[in-house]
C-alpha atoms as a PDB file:
ATOM      1  CA  MET A   1     -43.086  57.189 188.851  1.00  0.00           C
ATOM      2  CA  GLN A   2     -43.031  55.502 185.479  1.00  0.00           C
ATOM      3  CA  SER A   3     -40.553  56.510 182.814  1.00  0.00           C
ATOM      4  CA  ASN A   4     -42.484  54.980 179.912  1.00  0.00           C
ATOM      5  CA  ILE A   5     -43.610  57.833 177.577  1.00  0.00           C
ATOM      6  CA  SER A   6     -46.352  55.879 175.829  1.00  0.00           C
ATOM      7  CA  VAL A   7     -48.290  55.229 179.022  1.00  0.00           C
ATOM      8  CA  VAL A   8     -50.401  58.136 180.183  1.00  0.00           C
ATOM      9  CA  SER A   9     -52.389  57.723 183.352  1.00  0.00           C
ATOM     10  CA  GLY A  10     -52.307  53.962 183.088  1.00  0.00           C
ATOM     11  CA  ARG A  11     -53.469  53.678 179.453  1.00  0.00           C
ATOM     12  CA  TRP A  12     -51.358  52.960 176.362  1.00  0.00           C
ATOM     13  CA  ASN A  13     -51.010  55.914 173.928  1.00  0.00           C
ATOM     14  CA  PRO A  14     -50.649  54.770 170.238  1.00  0.00           C
ATOM     15  CA  TRP A  15     -49.611  58.157 168.795  1.00  0.00           C
ATOM     16  CA  PRO A  16     -45.832  57.915 169.199  1.00  0.00           C
ATOM     17  CA  VAL A  17     -45.777  54.473 167.560  1.00  0.00           C
ATOM     18  CA  ALA A  18     -48.147  55.600 164.770  1.00  0.00           C
ATOM     19  CA  ILE A  19     -45.990  58.649 163.943  1.00  0.00           C
ATOM     20  CA  ILE A  20     -42.819  56.563 163.803  1.00  0.00           C
ATOM     21  CA  ALA A  21     -44.578  53.910 161.664  1.00  0.00           C
ATOM     22  CA  PHE A  22     -45.885  56.580 159.284  1.00  0.00           C
ATOM     23  CA  PHE A  23     -42.429  58.045 158.680  1.00  0.00           C
ATOM     24  CA  ALA A  24     -40.912  54.555 158.337  1.00  0.00           C
ATOM     25  CA  VAL A  25     -43.493  53.604 155.674  1.00  0.00           C
ATOM     26  CA  ALA A  26     -42.974  56.936 153.879  1.00  0.00           C
ATOM     27  CA  LEU A  27     -39.176  56.461 153.788  1.00  0.00           C
ATOM     28  CA  ILE A  28     -39.475  52.876 152.572  1.00  0.00           C
ATOM     29  CA  GLY A  29     -41.972  54.011 149.891  1.00  0.00           C
ATOM     30  CA  CYS A  30     -39.622  56.777 148.717  1.00  0.00           C
ATOM     31  CA  GLY A  31     -36.693  54.376 148.600  1.00  0.00           C
ATOM     32  CA  THR A  32     -38.717  51.838 146.622  1.00  0.00           C
ATOM     33  CA  PHE A  33     -39.852  54.523 144.152  1.00  0.00           C
ATOM     34  CA  VAL A  34     -36.260  55.759 143.658  1.00  0.00           C
ATOM     35  CA  ALA A  35     -35.099  52.179 143.029  1.00  0.00           C
ATOM     36  CA  PHE A  36     -37.958  51.616 140.569  1.00  0.00           C
ATOM     37  CA  CYS A  37     -37.163  54.830 138.686  1.00  0.00           C
ATOM     38  CA  GLY A  38     -33.486  53.930 138.561  1.00  0.00           C
ATOM     39  CA  ARG A  39     -34.268  50.652 136.829  1.00  0.00           C
ATOM     40  CA  HIS A  40     -36.630  52.236 134.283  1.00  0.00           C
ATOM     41  CA  PRO A  41     -34.848  55.123 132.563  1.00  0.00           C
ATOM     42  CA  ALA A  42     -37.105  57.683 130.934  1.00  0.00           C
ATOM     43  CA  ASP A  43     -35.582  58.696 127.621  1.00  0.00           C
ATOM     44  CA  LEU A  44     -37.587  61.807 126.915  1.00  0.00           C
ATOM     45  CA  VAL A  45     -35.476  62.922 123.978  1.00  0.00           C
ATOM     46  CA  ALA A  46     -34.624  60.786 120.975  1.00  0.00           C
ATOM     47  CA  SER A  47     -31.033  60.712 119.789  1.00  0.00           C
ATOM     48  CA  ASP A  48     -32.135  62.234 116.471  1.00  0.00           C
ATOM     49  CA  TYR A  49     -34.651  64.709 117.887  1.00  0.00           C
ATOM     50  CA  TYR A  50     -33.388  67.539 115.665  1.00  0.00           C
ATOM     51  CA  GLU A  51     -33.977  65.554 112.471  1.00  0.00           C
ATOM     52  CA  GLN A  52     -37.403  64.485 113.744  1.00  0.00           C
ATOM     53  CA  GLU A  53     -38.329  68.105 114.415  1.00  0.00           C
ATOM     54  CA  ILE A  54     -37.282  69.102 110.888  1.00  0.00           C
ATOM     55  CA  ARG A  55     -39.407  66.295 109.391  1.00  0.00           C
ATOM     56  CA  PHE A  56     -42.332  67.334 111.575  1.00  0.00           C
ATOM     57  CA  GLN A  57     -41.967  70.968 110.520  1.00  0.00           C
ATOM     58  CA  ARG A  58     -41.943  69.891 106.868  1.00  0.00           C
ATOM     59  CA  GLN A  59     -45.194  68.009 107.472  1.00  0.00           C
ATOM     60  CA  ILE A  60     -46.743  71.119 109.061  1.00  0.00           C
ATOM     61  CA  ASP A  61     -45.620  73.183 106.058  1.00  0.00           C
ATOM     62  CA  ARG A  62     -47.208  70.664 103.645  1.00  0.00           C
ATOM     63  CA  ILE A  63     -50.501  70.776 105.505  1.00  0.00           C
ATOM     64  CA  GLN A  64     -50.514  74.592 105.579  1.00  0.00           C
ATOM     65  CA  ARG A  65     -49.854  74.787 101.826  1.00  0.00           C
ATOM     66  CA  THR A  66     -52.713  72.358 101.237  1.00  0.00           C
ATOM     67  CA  GLN A  67     -55.059  74.370 103.460  1.00  0.00           C
ATOM     68  CA  GLN A  68     -54.410  77.412 101.283  1.00  0.00           C
ATOM     69  CA  GLN A  69     -56.004  75.395  98.477  1.00  0.00           C
ATOM     70  CA  ALA A  70     -58.656  73.834 100.733  1.00  0.00           C
ATOM     71  CA  THR A  71     -61.564  74.745  98.488  1.00  0.00           C
ATOM     72  CA  LEU A  72     -59.879  73.004  95.554  1.00  0.00           C
ATOM     73  CA  THR A  73     -58.625  69.866  97.342  1.00  0.00           C
ATOM     74  CA  SER A  74     -60.916  67.131  98.647  1.00  0.00           C
ATOM     75  CA  VAL A  75     -61.169  63.446  99.484  1.00  0.00           C
ATOM     76  CA  THR A  76     -64.683  61.981  99.409  1.00  0.00           C
ATOM     77  CA  TYR A  77     -66.334  58.574  99.418  1.00  0.00           C
ATOM     78  CA  GLU A  78     -69.208  57.904  97.067  1.00  0.00           C
ATOM     79  CA  ALA A  79     -71.125  55.035  98.632  1.00  0.00           C
ATOM     80  CA  ALA A  80     -73.388  54.320  95.655  1.00  0.00           C
ATOM     81  CA  LYS A  81     -70.425  53.616  93.369  1.00  0.00           C
ATOM     82  CA  ARG A  82     -68.127  52.389  96.180  1.00  0.00           C
ATOM     83  CA  GLN A  83     -65.399  54.803  95.061  1.00  0.00           C
ATOM     84  CA  ILE A  84     -62.980  57.114  96.845  1.00  0.00           C
ATOM     85  CA  ILE A  85     -62.608  60.319  94.854  1.00  0.00           C
ATOM     86  CA  ILE A  86     -59.520  62.476  95.292  1.00  0.00           C
ATOM     87  CA  ALA A  87     -59.724  65.936  93.754  1.00  0.00           C
ATOM     88  CA  LEU A  88     -56.652  68.160  93.691  1.00  0.00           C
ATOM     89  CA  ALA A  89     -56.333  71.744  92.612  1.00  0.00           C
ATOM     90  CA  PRO A  90     -55.913  71.911  88.837  1.00  0.00           C
ATOM     91  CA  THR A  91     -52.300  72.466  87.846  1.00  0.00           C
ATOM     92  CA  PRO A  92     -50.743  73.441  84.543  1.00  0.00           C
ATOM     93  CA  PRO A  93     -49.351  70.496  82.536  1.00  0.00           C
ATOM     94  CA  GLU A  94     -45.783  71.742  83.002  1.00  0.00           C
ATOM     95  CA  LYS A  95     -46.140  71.255  86.782  1.00  0.00           C
ATOM     96  CA  LYS A  96     -46.219  67.490  86.903  1.00  0.00           C
ATOM     97  CA  ILE A  97     -47.923  65.991  89.951  1.00  0.00           C
ATOM     98  CA  THR A  98     -46.222  63.042  91.642  1.00  0.00           C
ATOM     99  CA  GLY A  99     -47.281  61.441  94.866  1.00  0.00           C
ATOM    100  CA  GLN A 100     -48.822  58.611  96.766  1.00  0.00           C
ATOM    101  CA  ILE A 101     -52.157  57.714  98.309  1.00  0.00           C
ATOM    102  CA  GLN A 102     -52.129  55.650 101.490  1.00  0.00           C
ATOM    103  CA  LEU A 103     -55.278  53.835 102.527  1.00  0.00           C
ATOM    104  CA  TYR A 104     -54.726  53.347 106.240  1.00  0.00           C
ATOM    105  CA  ARG A 105     -56.953  51.038 108.290  1.00  0.00           C
ATOM    106  CA  PRO A 106     -56.489  51.940 111.999  1.00  0.00           C
ATOM    107  CA  SER A 107     -57.971  48.663 113.237  1.00  0.00           C
ATOM    108  CA  ALA A 108     -55.970  46.313 111.001  1.00  0.00           C
ATOM    109  CA  ALA A 109     -52.532  47.278 109.710  1.00  0.00           C
ATOM    110  CA  SER A 110     -52.456  44.242 107.418  1.00  0.00           C
ATOM    111  CA  LEU A 111     -55.220  45.822 105.287  1.00  0.00           C
ATOM    112  CA  ASP A 112     -53.279  49.030 104.557  1.00  0.00           C
ATOM    113  CA  LYS A 113     -52.725  49.816 100.883  1.00  0.00           C
ATOM    114  CA  ALA A 114     -50.607  52.270  98.907  1.00  0.00           C
ATOM    115  CA  VAL A 115     -51.541  53.593  95.456  1.00  0.00           C
ATOM    116  CA  ASN A 116     -49.574  55.897  93.174  1.00  0.00           C
ATOM    117  CA  LEU A 117     -51.178  59.279  92.692  1.00  0.00           C
ATOM    118  CA  GLU A 118     -52.074  59.640  89.015  1.00  0.00           C
ATOM    119  CA  PRO A 119     -54.786  62.296  88.655  1.00  0.00           C
ATOM    120  CA  ASN A 120     -56.409  63.005  85.302  1.00  0.00           C
ATOM    121  CA  ALA A 121     -56.079  66.355  83.506  1.00  0.00           C
ATOM    122  CA  SER A 122     -58.671  67.956  85.786  1.00  0.00           C
ATOM    123  CA  GLY A 123     -56.821  66.772  88.939  1.00  0.00           C
ATOM    124  CA  VAL A 124     -59.216  63.956  89.899  1.00  0.00           C
ATOM    125  CA  GLN A 125     -58.353  60.354  90.710  1.00  0.00           C
ATOM    126  CA  THR A 126     -60.857  57.628  91.523  1.00  0.00           C
ATOM    127  CA  ILE A 127     -60.035  54.567  93.610  1.00  0.00           C
ATOM    128  CA  GLU A 128     -62.343  51.562  93.581  1.00  0.00           C
ATOM    129  CA  ALA A 129     -63.342  50.734  97.175  1.00  0.00           C
ATOM    130  CA  GLY A 130     -65.240  47.543  96.350  1.00  0.00           C
ATOM    131  CA  ASN A 131     -62.360  45.374  97.550  1.00  0.00           C
ATOM    132  CA  LEU A 132     -61.868  47.325 100.802  1.00  0.00           C
ATOM    133  CA  SER A 133     -63.424  45.894 103.935  1.00  0.00           C
ATOM    134  CA  ALA A 134     -66.194  47.851 105.611  1.00  0.00           C
ATOM    135  CA  GLY A 135     -65.234  50.301 108.350  1.00  0.00           C
ATOM    136  CA  LEU A 136     -63.117  53.365 109.016  1.00  0.00           C
ATOM    137  CA  TRP A 137     -60.288  54.169 106.614  1.00  0.00           C
ATOM    138  CA  LYS A 138     -57.938  57.138 106.622  1.00  0.00           C
ATOM    139  CA  VAL A 139     -56.998  58.348 103.176  1.00  0.00           C
ATOM    140  CA  ARG A 140     -53.621  60.105 103.243  1.00  0.00           C
ATOM    141  CA  VAL A 141     -52.578  61.869 100.069  1.00  0.00           C
ATOM    142  CA  SER A 142     -49.109  63.358  99.723  1.00  0.00           C
ATOM    143  CA  TRP A 143     -47.931  64.910  96.490  1.00  0.00           C
ATOM    144  CA  ARG A 144     -45.387  67.217  94.941  1.00  0.00           C
ATOM    145  CA  SER A 145     -46.195  69.843  92.331  1.00  0.00           C
ATOM    146  CA  GLY A 146     -44.139  72.771  91.108  1.00  0.00           C
ATOM    147  CA  GLY A 147     -41.362  72.123  93.633  1.00  0.00           C
ATOM    148  CA  GLN A 148     -43.779  72.230  96.607  1.00  0.00           C
ATOM    149  CA  ASP A 149     -44.967  69.374  98.815  1.00  0.00           C
ATOM    150  CA  TYR A 150     -48.623  68.990  99.810  1.00  0.00           C
ATOM    151  CA  TYR A 151     -50.538  66.678 102.143  1.00  0.00           C
ATOM    152  CA  VAL A 152     -54.170  66.023 102.969  1.00  0.00           C
ATOM    153  CA  GLU A 153     -55.732  63.400 105.227  1.00  0.00           C
ATOM    154  CA  GLN A 154     -59.407  62.521 105.374  1.00  0.00           C
ATOM    155  CA  SER A 155     -61.301  59.777 107.156  1.00  0.00           C
ATOM    156  CA  VAL A 156     -63.925  57.847 105.212  1.00  0.00           C
ATOM    157  CA  VAL A 157     -66.273  55.099 106.330  1.00  0.00           C
ATOM    158  CA  ILE A 158     -66.703  52.313 103.823  1.00  0.00           C
ATOM    159  CA  GLY A 159     -70.108  50.672 104.102  1.00  0.00           C
ATOM    160  CA  ALA A 160     -70.761  46.947 103.920  1.00  0.00           C
ATOM    161  CA  LYS A 161     -71.248  45.481 100.444  1.00  0.00           C
ATOM    162  CA  ALA A 162     -74.865  45.227  99.357  1.00  0.00           C
ATOM    163  CA  SER A 163     -76.001  41.645  98.918  1.00  0.00           C
END
């Protein structure tokens, strides 16, 4: 009588060895993963998360105020004149408008530009786009009027210069 468990009727049975090997590999894999995670801490919360949330909420409020005036506020690109036209809701002269226009180029941060917002009496400002390279630009306009902050963002595609 043989006392070897892995031999059944004269043939070698691989199942006991395979089960032990499977659990050994699983334990080594778990140990490796725990060691990896221990060396790479996941900081899910910033140290100033409360201040970031307040800034984010302010941005949401600005966008909502702007959407209330959506029919009166627009950013368009006029290809024939190569101009970006920003039209804001008309405001009384006593409510001075101050703000900034950011021309953001997603593919090349070095091309980004900032322009002071200085709309005319009817709330329109024109920016010459002749010196901007062709491609996608995001026009971000943030302004303050009458003690309220506003924000609008619009993507425009500047065409190549005609030769």
